[in-house]
Amino acid sequence: MKFSVRQITFTAVFAALNVILSSFSVPTPFGGHLYLTDIAVCLAGITLNPVLAVIAGAGGAALGDV
């Protein structure tokens, strides 16, 4: 499977956005937190094909946890 430069760039941008947003959370009234990484993961899933969305979501979340 070949990926274009544009697809790889969007994957990297969504992974970086995922890393940045992993620092921020919104407290919920029931004692939990809503992390803003969900926004980046959902946008990547809507915008990219499934393989690149998994790379952006999982790779960005893994780097954000480090």
C-alpha atoms as a PDB file:
ATOM      1  CA  MET A   1       0.000   0.000   0.000  1.00  0.00           C
ATOM      2  CA  LYS A   2       1.446   3.335  -1.042  1.00  0.00           C
ATOM      3  CA  PHE A   3       0.787   6.507   0.899  1.00  0.00           C
ATOM      4  CA  SER A   4       1.124   9.985  -0.518  1.00  0.00           C
ATOM      5  CA  VAL A   5       3.162  12.705   1.119  1.00  0.00           C
ATOM      6  CA  ARG A   6      -0.068  14.502   1.990  1.00  0.00           C
ATOM      7  CA  GLN A   7      -1.473  11.461   3.833  1.00  0.00           C
ATOM      8  CA  ILE A   8       1.750  10.963   5.782  1.00  0.00           C
ATOM      9  CA  THR A   9       1.810  14.662   6.697  1.00  0.00           C
ATOM     10  CA  PHE A  10      -1.783  14.585   7.958  1.00  0.00           C
ATOM     11  CA  THR A  11      -0.986  11.464   9.988  1.00  0.00           C
ATOM     12  CA  ALA A  12       1.979  13.206  11.607  1.00  0.00           C
ATOM     13  CA  VAL A  13      -0.081  16.326  12.333  1.00  0.00           C
ATOM     14  CA  PHE A  14      -2.845  14.308  13.993  1.00  0.00           C
ATOM     15  CA  ALA A  15      -0.297  12.321  16.026  1.00  0.00           C
ATOM     16  CA  ALA A  16       1.342  15.568  17.180  1.00  0.00           C
ATOM     17  CA  LEU A  17      -2.064  17.041  18.002  1.00  0.00           C
ATOM     18  CA  ASN A  18      -2.803  13.916  20.017  1.00  0.00           C
ATOM     19  CA  VAL A  19       0.435  14.324  21.986  1.00  0.00           C
ATOM     20  CA  ILE A  20      -0.261  17.994  22.694  1.00  0.00           C
ATOM     21  CA  LEU A  21      -3.875  17.453  23.759  1.00  0.00           C
ATOM     22  CA  SER A  22      -2.958  14.594  26.107  1.00  0.00           C
ATOM     23  CA  SER A  23      -1.860  17.212  28.652  1.00  0.00           C
ATOM     24  CA  PHE A  24      -5.324  18.712  28.987  1.00  0.00           C
ATOM     25  CA  SER A  25      -8.431  17.238  30.552  1.00  0.00           C
ATOM     26  CA  VAL A  26     -11.864  18.427  31.598  1.00  0.00           C
ATOM     27  CA  PRO A  27     -13.213  17.178  34.932  1.00  0.00           C
ATOM     28  CA  THR A  28     -16.637  15.575  34.754  1.00  0.00           C
ATOM     29  CA  PRO A  29     -19.281  15.858  37.460  1.00  0.00           C
ATOM     30  CA  PHE A  30     -19.098  12.130  38.248  1.00  0.00           C
ATOM     31  CA  GLY A  31     -15.468  12.178  39.323  1.00  0.00           C
ATOM     32  CA  GLY A  32     -13.787  11.285  36.037  1.00  0.00           C
ATOM     33  CA  HIS A  33     -11.927  13.228  33.404  1.00  0.00           C
ATOM     34  CA  LEU A  34     -12.601  13.802  29.726  1.00  0.00           C
ATOM     35  CA  TYR A  35      -9.285  13.945  27.914  1.00  0.00           C
ATOM     36  CA  LEU A  36      -9.071  16.125  24.823  1.00  0.00           C
ATOM     37  CA  THR A  37      -7.145  13.476  22.904  1.00  0.00           C
ATOM     38  CA  ASP A  38     -10.523  12.032  21.959  1.00  0.00           C
ATOM     39  CA  ILE A  39     -11.016  15.007  19.656  1.00  0.00           C
ATOM     40  CA  ALA A  40      -7.795  14.301  17.745  1.00  0.00           C
ATOM     41  CA  VAL A  41      -8.505  10.571  17.511  1.00  0.00           C
ATOM     42  CA  CYS A  42     -12.042  11.117  16.180  1.00  0.00           C
ATOM     43  CA  LEU A  43     -10.876  13.717  13.658  1.00  0.00           C
ATOM     44  CA  ALA A  44      -8.155  11.357  12.450  1.00  0.00           C
ATOM     45  CA  GLY A  45     -10.687   8.559  12.119  1.00  0.00           C
ATOM     46  CA  ILE A  46     -13.018  10.725  10.075  1.00  0.00           C
ATOM     47  CA  THR A  47     -10.335  12.318   7.897  1.00  0.00           C
ATOM     48  CA  LEU A  48      -7.807   9.532   7.248  1.00  0.00           C
ATOM     49  CA  ASN A  49      -8.104   5.977   6.021  1.00  0.00           C
ATOM     50  CA  PRO A  50      -8.298   3.287   8.747  1.00  0.00           C
ATOM     51  CA  VAL A  51      -4.617   2.294   8.698  1.00  0.00           C
ATOM     52  CA  LEU A  52      -3.338   5.840   9.026  1.00  0.00           C
ATOM     53  CA  ALA A  53      -5.986   6.679  11.627  1.00  0.00           C
ATOM     54  CA  VAL A  54      -4.774   3.814  13.817  1.00  0.00           C
ATOM     55  CA  ILE A  55      -1.183   4.961  13.425  1.00  0.00           C
ATOM     56  CA  ALA A  56      -2.094   8.546  14.335  1.00  0.00           C
ATOM     57  CA  GLY A  57      -4.354   7.583  17.224  1.00  0.00           C
ATOM     58  CA  ALA A  58      -2.307   4.821  18.832  1.00  0.00           C
ATOM     59  CA  GLY A  59       1.085   6.329  18.088  1.00  0.00           C
ATOM     60  CA  GLY A  60       0.087   9.761  19.345  1.00  0.00           C
ATOM     61  CA  ALA A  61      -1.503   8.333  22.486  1.00  0.00           C
ATOM     62  CA  ALA A  62       1.562   6.220  23.213  1.00  0.00           C
ATOM     63  CA  LEU A  63       3.878   9.210  22.808  1.00  0.00           C
ATOM     64  CA  GLY A  64       1.543  11.351  24.916  1.00  0.00           C
ATOM     65  CA  ASP A  65       1.666   8.822  27.768  1.00  0.00           C
ATOM     66  CA  VAL A  66       5.447   8.837  27.766  1.00  0.00           C
END
